[in-house]
Amino acid sequence: MGKILCATRGGEGSYATQDAAVALAKEQGDDLIFLFVVDVSFLNQTAAPLVVDVEARLEKMGHFQLAMALERATARGIEAQAVVRRGMLANELAAAVRALGISLVVLGRPMRQTAVFEEDALQAFAASLQAETGIEVRIL
């Protein structure tokens, strides 16, 4: 039995990826872990007290988004876990893969209106993560 790590931002734009990860875990009999990374590196030019406040608020939001993902998984017959990490996305994803003994990473396809990554950038990010960790990365 393996472990699937589904990186998610939560919310409606992430439902398709979460549902696909749940279906995959169910089909393969794997454990499922949802990961939310609080990455405030975009605030590097901002005053430190504001960064701390934003980081704390984003972490609370992450816990809420993951609670929703867990509810969605439970409704589909999968008992998943949720992990929130703080740091740069690429670093924390790789660290989570190693720390949690992950066998497959699932990333979502970008939606035009809310994309963090364009398709080419996402493909490059996935390839880099796979090369660094030696673990398969699928974009669903």
C-alpha atoms as a PDB file:
ATOM      1  CA  MET A   1       0.000   0.000   0.000  1.00  0.00           C
ATOM      2  CA  GLY A   2       1.364   3.389  -1.008  1.00  0.00           C
ATOM      3  CA  LYS A   3       0.793   6.971   0.054  1.00  0.00           C
ATOM      4  CA  ILE A   4      -0.596   9.639  -2.236  1.00  0.00           C
ATOM      5  CA  LEU A   5       0.172  13.266  -1.481  1.00  0.00           C
ATOM      6  CA  CYS A   6      -2.347  15.682  -2.991  1.00  0.00           C
ATOM      7  CA  ALA A   7      -1.067  19.242  -2.890  1.00  0.00           C
ATOM      8  CA  THR A   8      -4.039  21.591  -2.767  1.00  0.00           C
ATOM      9  CA  ARG A   9      -4.945  25.246  -2.326  1.00  0.00           C
ATOM     10  CA  GLY A  10      -8.479  24.214  -1.449  1.00  0.00           C
ATOM     11  CA  GLY A  11     -11.683  25.775  -2.596  1.00  0.00           C
ATOM     12  CA  GLU A  12     -13.863  25.078  -5.595  1.00  0.00           C
ATOM     13  CA  GLY A  13     -10.975  25.280  -8.061  1.00  0.00           C
ATOM     14  CA  SER A  14      -9.325  22.325  -6.313  1.00  0.00           C
ATOM     15  CA  TYR A  15     -12.325  19.997  -6.123  1.00  0.00           C
ATOM     16  CA  ALA A  16     -11.600  18.135  -9.356  1.00  0.00           C
ATOM     17  CA  THR A  17      -8.025  17.383  -8.270  1.00  0.00           C
ATOM     18  CA  GLN A  18      -9.106  16.359  -4.778  1.00  0.00           C
ATOM     19  CA  ASP A  19     -11.822  14.087  -6.195  1.00  0.00           C
ATOM     20  CA  ALA A  20      -9.349  12.509  -8.634  1.00  0.00           C
ATOM     21  CA  ALA A  21      -6.869  11.881  -5.805  1.00  0.00           C
ATOM     22  CA  VAL A  22      -9.620  10.311  -3.677  1.00  0.00           C
ATOM     23  CA  ALA A  23     -10.673   8.052  -6.564  1.00  0.00           C
ATOM     24  CA  LEU A  24      -7.051   7.052  -7.185  1.00  0.00           C
ATOM     25  CA  ALA A  25      -6.469   6.253  -3.494  1.00  0.00           C
ATOM     26  CA  LYS A  26      -9.653   4.196  -3.406  1.00  0.00           C
ATOM     27  CA  GLU A  27      -8.793   2.340  -6.629  1.00  0.00           C
ATOM     28  CA  GLN A  28      -5.223   1.543  -5.536  1.00  0.00           C
ATOM     29  CA  GLY A  29      -5.929   1.001  -1.821  1.00  0.00           C
ATOM     30  CA  ASP A  30      -3.443   3.762  -0.962  1.00  0.00           C
ATOM     31  CA  ASP A  31      -3.417   6.194   1.931  1.00  0.00           C
ATOM     32  CA  LEU A  32      -4.209   9.792   1.006  1.00  0.00           C
ATOM     33  CA  ILE A  33      -2.695  12.933   2.482  1.00  0.00           C
ATOM     34  CA  PHE A  34      -3.809  16.432   1.518  1.00  0.00           C
ATOM     35  CA  LEU A  35      -1.089  19.081   1.783  1.00  0.00           C
ATOM     36  CA  PHE A  36      -1.521  22.852   2.030  1.00  0.00           C
ATOM     37  CA  VAL A  37       1.664  24.947   1.973  1.00  0.00           C
ATOM     38  CA  VAL A  38       1.624  28.430   3.478  1.00  0.00           C
ATOM     39  CA  ASP A  39       4.088  30.238   1.221  1.00  0.00           C
ATOM     40  CA  VAL A  40       4.427  33.954   1.943  1.00  0.00           C
ATOM     41  CA  SER A  41       7.645  34.415  -0.009  1.00  0.00           C
ATOM     42  CA  PHE A  42       5.752  36.821  -2.269  1.00  0.00           C
ATOM     43  CA  LEU A  43       5.698  39.229   0.698  1.00  0.00           C
ATOM     44  CA  ASN A  44       9.488  39.599   0.918  1.00  0.00           C
ATOM     45  CA  GLN A  45       9.295  43.357   0.365  1.00  0.00           C
ATOM     46  CA  THR A  46       6.775  43.871   3.187  1.00  0.00           C
ATOM     47  CA  ALA A  47       7.289  44.778   6.844  1.00  0.00           C
ATOM     48  CA  ALA A  48       7.945  41.729   9.055  1.00  0.00           C
ATOM     49  CA  PRO A  49       4.940  42.171  11.412  1.00  0.00           C
ATOM     50  CA  LEU A  50       2.578  42.117   8.440  1.00  0.00           C
ATOM     51  CA  VAL A  51       4.202  38.949   7.081  1.00  0.00           C
ATOM     52  CA  VAL A  52       3.723  37.165  10.418  1.00  0.00           C
ATOM     53  CA  ASP A  53       0.051  38.194  10.529  1.00  0.00           C
ATOM     54  CA  VAL A  54      -0.572  37.126   6.922  1.00  0.00           C
ATOM     55  CA  GLU A  55       1.225  33.828   7.481  1.00  0.00           C
ATOM     56  CA  ALA A  56      -0.899  33.037  10.542  1.00  0.00           C
ATOM     57  CA  ARG A  57      -4.108  33.901   8.687  1.00  0.00           C
ATOM     58  CA  LEU A  58      -3.112  31.805   5.679  1.00  0.00           C
ATOM     59  CA  GLU A  59      -2.336  28.879   7.961  1.00  0.00           C
ATOM     60  CA  LYS A  60      -5.818  29.114   9.507  1.00  0.00           C
ATOM     61  CA  MET A  61      -7.304  29.249   6.036  1.00  0.00           C
ATOM     62  CA  GLY A  62      -5.226  26.209   5.063  1.00  0.00           C
ATOM     63  CA  HIS A  63      -6.555  24.205   7.999  1.00  0.00           C
ATOM     64  CA  PHE A  64     -10.101  25.156   7.009  1.00  0.00           C
ATOM     65  CA  GLN A  65      -9.547  24.246   3.341  1.00  0.00           C
ATOM     66  CA  LEU A  66      -8.068  20.900   4.349  1.00  0.00           C
ATOM     67  CA  ALA A  67     -10.991  20.192   6.702  1.00  0.00           C
ATOM     68  CA  MET A  68     -13.259  20.629   3.690  1.00  0.00           C
ATOM     69  CA  ALA A  69     -11.057  18.271   1.628  1.00  0.00           C
ATOM     70  CA  LEU A  70     -11.199  15.678   4.407  1.00  0.00           C
ATOM     71  CA  GLU A  71     -14.997  15.907   4.466  1.00  0.00           C
ATOM     72  CA  ARG A  72     -15.101  15.384   0.693  1.00  0.00           C
ATOM     73  CA  ALA A  73     -12.838  12.327   0.990  1.00  0.00           C
ATOM     74  CA  THR A  74     -14.834  10.851   3.873  1.00  0.00           C
ATOM     75  CA  ALA A  75     -18.053  11.258   1.889  1.00  0.00           C
ATOM     76  CA  ARG A  76     -16.423   9.128  -0.824  1.00  0.00           C
ATOM     77  CA  GLY A  77     -15.278   6.421   1.577  1.00  0.00           C
ATOM     78  CA  ILE A  78     -11.660   7.466   2.124  1.00  0.00           C
ATOM     79  CA  GLU A  79     -10.184   8.452   5.477  1.00  0.00           C
ATOM     80  CA  ALA A  80      -7.484  10.924   4.522  1.00  0.00           C
ATOM     81  CA  GLN A  81      -4.991  12.965   6.520  1.00  0.00           C
ATOM     82  CA  ALA A  82      -4.251  16.680   6.307  1.00  0.00           C
ATOM     83  CA  VAL A  83      -0.907  18.435   6.672  1.00  0.00           C
ATOM     84  CA  VAL A  84      -0.151  22.166   6.690  1.00  0.00           C
ATOM     85  CA  ARG A  85       3.451  23.253   6.240  1.00  0.00           C
ATOM     86  CA  ARG A  86       5.057  26.703   6.188  1.00  0.00           C
ATOM     87  CA  GLY A  87       7.731  27.663   3.707  1.00  0.00           C
ATOM     88  CA  MET A  88       8.418  27.850  -0.002  1.00  0.00           C
ATOM     89  CA  LEU A  89       6.144  25.556  -1.986  1.00  0.00           C
ATOM     90  CA  ALA A  90       8.824  23.605  -3.868  1.00  0.00           C
ATOM     91  CA  ASN A  91      10.924  23.049  -0.744  1.00  0.00           C
ATOM     92  CA  GLU A  92       7.977  22.010   1.423  1.00  0.00           C
ATOM     93  CA  LEU A  93       6.554  19.634  -1.160  1.00  0.00           C
ATOM     94  CA  ALA A  94       9.897  17.853  -1.474  1.00  0.00           C
ATOM     95  CA  ALA A  95      10.340  17.781   2.310  1.00  0.00           C
ATOM     96  CA  ALA A  96       6.832  16.380   2.792  1.00  0.00           C
ATOM     97  CA  VAL A  97       7.485  13.640   0.220  1.00  0.00           C
ATOM     98  CA  ARG A  98      10.557  12.533   2.158  1.00  0.00           C
ATOM     99  CA  ALA A  99       9.097  12.959   5.668  1.00  0.00           C
ATOM    100  CA  LEU A 100       5.812  11.189   4.948  1.00  0.00           C
ATOM    101  CA  GLY A 101       7.089   8.315   2.813  1.00  0.00           C
ATOM    102  CA  ILE A 102       5.054   9.362  -0.218  1.00  0.00           C
ATOM    103  CA  SER A 103       4.852   7.097  -3.280  1.00  0.00           C
ATOM    104  CA  LEU A 104       2.908   9.439  -5.602  1.00  0.00           C
ATOM    105  CA  VAL A 105       2.371  13.208  -5.735  1.00  0.00           C
ATOM    106  CA  VAL A 106      -0.792  14.596  -7.311  1.00  0.00           C
ATOM    107  CA  LEU A 107      -0.981  18.171  -8.585  1.00  0.00           C
ATOM    108  CA  GLY A 108      -3.961  19.893 -10.169  1.00  0.00           C
ATOM    109  CA  ARG A 109      -4.192  21.403 -13.627  1.00  0.00           C
ATOM    110  CA  PRO A 110      -4.328  25.182 -13.724  1.00  0.00           C
ATOM    111  CA  MET A 111      -7.644  26.923 -14.194  1.00  0.00           C
ATOM    112  CA  ARG A 112      -7.346  30.039 -16.315  1.00  0.00           C
ATOM    113  CA  GLN A 113      -8.956  32.426 -13.839  1.00  0.00           C
ATOM    114  CA  THR A 114      -7.094  31.261 -10.740  1.00  0.00           C
ATOM    115  CA  ALA A 115      -3.892  29.700 -12.046  1.00  0.00           C
ATOM    116  CA  VAL A 116      -0.830  29.893  -9.836  1.00  0.00           C
ATOM    117  CA  PHE A 117       1.095  28.148 -12.626  1.00  0.00           C
ATOM    118  CA  GLU A 118       0.669  28.263 -16.374  1.00  0.00           C
ATOM    119  CA  GLU A 119       0.604  24.780 -17.933  1.00  0.00           C
ATOM    120  CA  ASP A 120       4.260  24.880 -19.108  1.00  0.00           C
ATOM    121  CA  ALA A 121       5.469  26.123 -15.741  1.00  0.00           C
ATOM    122  CA  LEU A 122       3.450  23.432 -13.951  1.00  0.00           C
ATOM    123  CA  GLN A 123       4.949  20.722 -16.170  1.00  0.00           C
ATOM    124  CA  ALA A 124       8.453  22.022 -15.402  1.00  0.00           C
ATOM    125  CA  PHE A 125       7.646  22.227 -11.667  1.00  0.00           C
ATOM    126  CA  ALA A 126       6.352  18.630 -11.665  1.00  0.00           C
ATOM    127  CA  ALA A 127       9.410  17.377 -13.556  1.00  0.00           C
ATOM    128  CA  SER A 128      11.739  19.166 -11.149  1.00  0.00           C
ATOM    129  CA  LEU A 129       9.949  17.733  -8.100  1.00  0.00           C
ATOM    130  CA  GLN A 130      10.033  14.241  -9.584  1.00  0.00           C
ATOM    131  CA  ALA A 131      13.753  14.544 -10.370  1.00  0.00           C
ATOM    132  CA  GLU A 132      14.542  15.828  -6.874  1.00  0.00           C
ATOM    133  CA  THR A 133      12.525  13.221  -4.968  1.00  0.00           C
ATOM    134  CA  GLY A 134      12.562  10.226  -7.304  1.00  0.00           C
ATOM    135  CA  ILE A 135       8.792   9.944  -6.760  1.00  0.00           C
ATOM    136  CA  GLU A 136       6.208  10.006  -9.549  1.00  0.00           C
ATOM    137  CA  VAL A 137       4.356  13.301  -9.914  1.00  0.00           C
ATOM    138  CA  ARG A 138       1.038  13.293 -11.802  1.00  0.00           C
ATOM    139  CA  ILE A 139      -0.893  16.311 -12.954  1.00  0.00           C
ATOM    140  CA  LEU A 140      -4.603  15.490 -12.869  1.00  0.00           C
END
